[in-house]
Amino acid sequence: MLMGKYEVSTVQSGERVSISVSGDLSISSISDIRSDIIRELMKKEIAHIEVLDPENIDLTFLQLLISLLKSESYNGRVSLELKLSKEIEDLMITTGMLDVLSKAMKKI
């Protein structure tokens, strides 16, 4: 569903849902993004979240991803895949956020 400057789309298969998130993944939309993702997570047992070439990404969105990966409610139910532009990937490496996110992903 297109909501302003970001998009959350889903594909459901059996007990699994694939959730794709793209666009402006920043504080201005984080409440709506979180609601959209949680709504989809509640429908299925297993979820794969795919971040697809976002135009913008900030700490609030990364915190959301980390909290979903570490949450007891979603323990082992959520996997994550990042498809980032070179510019955003370089920024995440420089700030250390890619390392933090990678460590959170390994703990699931």
N, C-alpha and C. Protein backbone atom coordinates (compact mmCIF):
# COMPACT_ATOMS: atom_id res chain seq x y z
N MET A 1 0.84 -1.18 0.00
CA MET A 1 0.00 0.00 0.00
C MET A 1 0.88 1.24 0.00
N LEU A 2 0.62 2.16 -0.87
CA LEU A 2 1.39 3.39 -0.96
C LEU A 2 0.82 4.40 0.02
N MET A 3 1.66 4.86 0.93
CA MET A 3 1.24 5.80 1.97
C MET A 3 2.21 6.97 1.97
N GLY A 4 1.88 8.02 1.28
CA GLY A 4 2.77 9.16 1.27
C GLY A 4 4.05 8.87 0.52
N LYS A 5 5.16 8.95 1.26
CA LYS A 5 6.46 8.84 0.62
C LYS A 5 7.11 7.47 0.78
N TYR A 6 6.44 6.51 1.36
CA TYR A 6 7.01 5.18 1.50
C TYR A 6 6.01 4.16 0.97
N GLU A 7 6.50 2.93 0.78
CA GLU A 7 5.61 1.87 0.31
C GLU A 7 5.90 0.59 1.08
N VAL A 8 4.85 -0.06 1.52
CA VAL A 8 4.93 -1.37 2.14
C VAL A 8 4.06 -2.29 1.30
N SER A 9 4.65 -3.34 0.74
CA SER A 9 3.88 -4.29 -0.05
C SER A 9 4.14 -5.69 0.50
N THR A 10 3.17 -6.58 0.30
CA THR A 10 3.29 -7.92 0.87
C THR A 10 2.93 -8.98 -0.16
N VAL A 11 3.53 -10.16 0.06
CA VAL A 11 3.18 -11.36 -0.68
C VAL A 11 3.04 -12.46 0.36
N GLN A 12 1.88 -13.11 0.40
CA GLN A 12 1.62 -14.14 1.39
C GLN A 12 1.65 -15.51 0.73
N SER A 13 2.25 -16.46 1.47
CA SER A 13 2.32 -17.83 0.98
C SER A 13 2.29 -18.76 2.18
N GLY A 14 1.22 -19.50 2.33
CA GLY A 14 1.09 -20.39 3.48
C GLY A 14 1.17 -19.61 4.78
N GLU A 15 2.07 -20.03 5.66
CA GLU A 15 2.25 -19.36 6.95
C GLU A 15 3.29 -18.26 6.90
N ARG A 16 3.75 -17.89 5.70
CA ARG A 16 4.82 -16.92 5.54
C ARG A 16 4.32 -15.68 4.80
N VAL A 17 4.83 -14.53 5.22
CA VAL A 17 4.55 -13.29 4.52
C VAL A 17 5.89 -12.62 4.20
N SER A 18 6.03 -12.15 2.98
CA SER A 18 7.18 -11.34 2.59
C SER A 18 6.73 -9.90 2.56
N ILE A 19 7.44 -9.06 3.30
CA ILE A 19 7.08 -7.65 3.42
C ILE A 19 8.20 -6.83 2.79
N SER A 20 7.89 -6.08 1.75
CA SER A 20 8.86 -5.21 1.10
C SER A 20 8.60 -3.78 1.51
N VAL A 21 9.67 -3.08 1.87
CA VAL A 21 9.56 -1.69 2.33
C VAL A 21 10.52 -0.85 1.49
N SER A 22 10.03 0.28 0.98
CA SER A 22 10.88 1.15 0.17
C SER A 22 10.41 2.59 0.30
N GLY A 23 11.17 3.49 -0.30
CA GLY A 23 10.81 4.91 -0.28
C GLY A 23 11.52 5.66 0.84
N ASP A 24 10.81 6.60 1.44
CA ASP A 24 11.36 7.44 2.51
C ASP A 24 11.12 6.76 3.85
N LEU A 25 12.13 6.06 4.34
CA LEU A 25 12.03 5.30 5.58
C LEU A 25 12.65 6.12 6.70
N SER A 26 11.94 7.16 7.09
CA SER A 26 12.48 8.10 8.07
C SER A 26 11.45 8.45 9.13
N ILE A 27 11.86 9.27 10.06
CA ILE A 27 11.04 9.60 11.22
C ILE A 27 9.68 10.19 10.84
N SER A 28 9.61 10.86 9.72
CA SER A 28 8.34 11.49 9.33
C SER A 28 7.23 10.45 9.07
N SER A 29 7.63 9.21 8.74
CA SER A 29 6.64 8.18 8.43
C SER A 29 6.74 6.95 9.34
N ILE A 30 7.63 6.96 10.32
CA ILE A 30 7.93 5.74 11.07
C ILE A 30 6.72 5.15 11.78
N SER A 31 5.85 5.97 12.30
CA SER A 31 4.67 5.45 13.00
C SER A 31 3.78 4.65 12.05
N ASP A 32 3.57 5.17 10.86
CA ASP A 32 2.75 4.48 9.86
C ASP A 32 3.45 3.23 9.34
N ILE A 33 4.76 3.33 9.11
CA ILE A 33 5.53 2.17 8.64
C ILE A 33 5.44 1.05 9.68
N ARG A 34 5.65 1.40 10.94
CA ARG A 34 5.59 0.41 12.02
C ARG A 34 4.22 -0.26 12.06
N SER A 35 3.17 0.54 11.98
CA SER A 35 1.81 -0.01 12.00
C SER A 35 1.57 -0.97 10.84
N ASP A 36 2.02 -0.60 9.65
CA ASP A 36 1.85 -1.46 8.47
C ASP A 36 2.58 -2.78 8.64
N ILE A 37 3.82 -2.73 9.12
CA ILE A 37 4.62 -3.95 9.29
C ILE A 37 4.01 -4.83 10.38
N ILE A 38 3.67 -4.25 11.52
CA ILE A 38 3.09 -5.03 12.63
C ILE A 38 1.78 -5.69 12.19
N ARG A 39 0.96 -4.97 11.46
CA ARG A 39 -0.31 -5.52 10.97
C ARG A 39 -0.05 -6.79 10.13
N GLU A 40 0.96 -6.74 9.29
CA GLU A 40 1.28 -7.90 8.46
C GLU A 40 1.89 -9.03 9.29
N LEU A 41 2.72 -8.69 10.26
CA LEU A 41 3.33 -9.71 11.12
C LEU A 41 2.29 -10.48 11.92
N MET A 42 1.21 -9.82 12.27
CA MET A 42 0.16 -10.46 13.06
C MET A 42 -0.63 -11.49 12.23
N LYS A 43 -0.57 -11.39 10.93
CA LYS A 43 -1.36 -12.28 10.06
C LYS A 43 -0.71 -13.64 9.84
N LYS A 44 0.62 -13.71 9.93
CA LYS A 44 1.33 -14.94 9.56
C LYS A 44 2.33 -15.32 10.64
N GLU A 45 2.72 -16.58 10.62
CA GLU A 45 3.65 -17.13 11.61
C GLU A 45 5.10 -16.69 11.35
N ILE A 46 5.48 -16.59 10.07
CA ILE A 46 6.86 -16.28 9.69
C ILE A 46 6.85 -15.09 8.74
N ALA A 47 7.82 -14.19 8.92
CA ALA A 47 7.88 -13.01 8.05
C ALA A 47 9.31 -12.77 7.57
N HIS A 48 9.40 -12.35 6.34
CA HIS A 48 10.67 -11.93 5.75
C HIS A 48 10.50 -10.47 5.35
N ILE A 49 11.31 -9.61 5.94
CA ILE A 49 11.24 -8.18 5.62
C ILE A 49 12.38 -7.84 4.68
N GLU A 50 12.02 -7.22 3.57
CA GLU A 50 12.99 -6.85 2.55
C GLU A 50 12.98 -5.33 2.40
N VAL A 51 14.12 -4.71 2.63
CA VAL A 51 14.27 -3.27 2.47
C VAL A 51 14.83 -3.06 1.07
N LEU A 52 14.02 -2.48 0.20
CA LEU A 52 14.36 -2.36 -1.22
C LEU A 52 14.76 -0.95 -1.61
N ASP A 53 16.03 -0.74 -1.80
CA ASP A 53 16.57 0.52 -2.34
C ASP A 53 15.84 1.76 -1.84
N PRO A 54 15.85 1.99 -0.52
CA PRO A 54 15.14 3.17 0.00
C PRO A 54 15.74 4.48 -0.50
N GLU A 55 14.88 5.47 -0.68
CA GLU A 55 15.35 6.80 -1.05
C GLU A 55 16.07 7.46 0.11
N ASN A 56 15.57 7.17 1.31
CA ASN A 56 16.10 7.75 2.54
C ASN A 56 15.88 6.73 3.64
N ILE A 57 16.84 6.65 4.56
CA ILE A 57 16.70 5.75 5.69
C ILE A 57 17.36 6.43 6.88
N ASP A 58 16.72 6.37 8.05
CA ASP A 58 17.33 7.02 9.21
C ASP A 58 17.32 6.08 10.41
N LEU A 59 17.83 6.58 11.51
CA LEU A 59 18.00 5.77 12.71
C LEU A 59 16.68 5.21 13.23
N THR A 60 15.58 5.95 13.10
CA THR A 60 14.31 5.44 13.62
C THR A 60 13.88 4.16 12.91
N PHE A 61 14.09 4.10 11.61
CA PHE A 61 13.73 2.90 10.86
C PHE A 61 14.65 1.74 11.24
N LEU A 62 15.93 2.03 11.38
CA LEU A 62 16.88 0.98 11.77
C LEU A 62 16.56 0.45 13.17
N GLN A 63 16.17 1.34 14.06
CA GLN A 63 15.77 0.92 15.41
C GLN A 63 14.53 0.02 15.34
N LEU A 64 13.60 0.35 14.47
CA LEU A 64 12.42 -0.49 14.28
C LEU A 64 12.82 -1.89 13.84
N LEU A 65 13.70 -1.98 12.85
CA LEU A 65 14.15 -3.28 12.37
C LEU A 65 14.82 -4.08 13.49
N ILE A 66 15.71 -3.44 14.23
CA ILE A 66 16.42 -4.11 15.31
C ILE A 66 15.44 -4.58 16.38
N SER A 67 14.47 -3.74 16.71
CA SER A 67 13.50 -4.15 17.74
C SER A 67 12.66 -5.33 17.26
N LEU A 68 12.32 -5.39 15.99
CA LEU A 68 11.57 -6.53 15.46
C LEU A 68 12.41 -7.81 15.50
N LEU A 69 13.69 -7.68 15.17
CA LEU A 69 14.57 -8.84 15.19
C LEU A 69 14.81 -9.36 16.60
N LYS A 70 14.84 -8.46 17.57
CA LYS A 70 15.14 -8.85 18.95
C LYS A 70 13.91 -9.10 19.82
N SER A 71 12.76 -8.73 19.35
CA SER A 71 11.54 -8.84 20.14
C SER A 71 11.21 -10.29 20.47
N GLU A 72 10.85 -10.54 21.71
CA GLU A 72 10.42 -11.89 22.10
C GLU A 72 9.16 -12.29 21.36
N SER A 73 8.31 -11.35 21.06
CA SER A 73 7.07 -11.64 20.34
C SER A 73 7.33 -12.21 18.95
N TYR A 74 8.42 -11.79 18.33
CA TYR A 74 8.74 -12.21 16.96
C TYR A 74 10.01 -13.05 16.92
N ASN A 75 10.45 -13.57 18.06
CA ASN A 75 11.69 -14.33 18.17
C ASN A 75 11.73 -15.48 17.17
N GLY A 76 12.69 -15.40 16.25
CA GLY A 76 12.85 -16.45 15.26
C GLY A 76 11.84 -16.43 14.14
N ARG A 77 10.92 -15.51 14.18
CA ARG A 77 9.86 -15.46 13.16
C ARG A 77 10.16 -14.46 12.06
N VAL A 78 11.14 -13.59 12.28
CA VAL A 78 11.41 -12.50 11.35
C VAL A 78 12.81 -12.64 10.78
N SER A 79 12.91 -12.59 9.46
CA SER A 79 14.22 -12.52 8.80
C SER A 79 14.27 -11.19 8.03
N LEU A 80 15.46 -10.78 7.69
CA LEU A 80 15.66 -9.45 7.10
C LEU A 80 16.64 -9.53 5.94
N GLU A 81 16.33 -8.77 4.90
CA GLU A 81 17.22 -8.66 3.74
C GLU A 81 17.30 -7.19 3.35
N LEU A 82 18.52 -6.70 3.13
CA LEU A 82 18.72 -5.31 2.74
C LEU A 82 19.22 -5.24 1.31
N LYS A 83 18.56 -4.44 0.50
CA LYS A 83 19.01 -4.15 -0.86
C LYS A 83 19.14 -2.63 -0.94
N LEU A 84 20.36 -2.16 -0.69
CA LEU A 84 20.61 -0.72 -0.54
C LEU A 84 21.42 -0.17 -1.69
N SER A 85 21.24 1.11 -1.96
CA SER A 85 22.09 1.79 -2.93
C SER A 85 23.50 1.87 -2.34
N LYS A 86 24.48 2.03 -3.17
CA LYS A 86 25.88 2.16 -2.73
C LYS A 86 26.02 3.31 -1.75
N GLU A 87 25.35 4.42 -2.02
CA GLU A 87 25.43 5.61 -1.17
C GLU A 87 24.91 5.32 0.24
N ILE A 88 23.76 4.68 0.33
CA ILE A 88 23.18 4.39 1.65
C ILE A 88 23.98 3.30 2.36
N GLU A 89 24.42 2.30 1.61
CA GLU A 89 25.25 1.26 2.22
C GLU A 89 26.54 1.85 2.79
N ASP A 90 27.19 2.74 2.03
CA ASP A 90 28.41 3.40 2.51
C ASP A 90 28.14 4.21 3.78
N LEU A 91 27.02 4.91 3.81
CA LEU A 91 26.65 5.69 4.99
C LEU A 91 26.45 4.78 6.20
N MET A 92 25.77 3.66 5.99
CA MET A 92 25.54 2.72 7.10
C MET A 92 26.84 2.08 7.58
N ILE A 93 27.77 1.84 6.68
CA ILE A 93 29.07 1.30 7.08
C ILE A 93 29.83 2.35 7.88
N THR A 94 29.87 3.58 7.38
CA THR A 94 30.60 4.67 8.04
C THR A 94 30.07 4.95 9.44
N THR A 95 28.76 4.91 9.61
CA THR A 95 28.16 5.20 10.91
C THR A 95 28.16 4.00 11.85
N GLY A 96 28.48 2.83 11.32
CA GLY A 96 28.48 1.62 12.14
C GLY A 96 27.12 0.94 12.23
N MET A 97 26.12 1.50 11.61
CA MET A 97 24.77 0.94 11.71
C MET A 97 24.63 -0.39 10.96
N LEU A 98 25.37 -0.57 9.89
CA LEU A 98 25.29 -1.84 9.17
C LEU A 98 25.82 -2.97 10.06
N ASP A 99 26.87 -2.69 10.81
CA ASP A 99 27.43 -3.68 11.73
C ASP A 99 26.43 -4.01 12.85
N VAL A 100 25.80 -2.99 13.42
CA VAL A 100 24.81 -3.20 14.47
C VAL A 100 23.65 -4.04 13.95
N LEU A 101 23.17 -3.71 12.78
CA LEU A 101 22.05 -4.45 12.18
C LEU A 101 22.47 -5.89 11.86
N SER A 102 23.68 -6.07 11.36
CA SER A 102 24.18 -7.42 11.05
C SER A 102 24.26 -8.28 12.29
N LYS A 103 24.71 -7.69 13.40
CA LYS A 103 24.79 -8.43 14.65
C LYS A 103 23.41 -8.81 15.14
N ALA A 104 22.44 -7.93 15.01
CA ALA A 104 21.07 -8.24 15.42
C ALA A 104 20.50 -9.37 14.55
N MET A 105 20.85 -9.37 13.27
CA MET A 105 20.36 -10.40 12.36
C MET A 105 20.95 -11.78 12.71
N LYS A 106 22.17 -11.81 13.21
CA LYS A 106 22.82 -13.08 13.53
C LYS A 106 22.26 -13.70 14.81
N LYS A 107 21.60 -12.90 15.63
CA LYS A 107 21.07 -13.39 16.89
C LYS A 107 19.69 -14.02 16.74
N ILE A 108 19.15 -14.02 15.54
CA ILE A 108 17.82 -14.63 15.36
C ILE A 108 17.96 -16.06 14.92
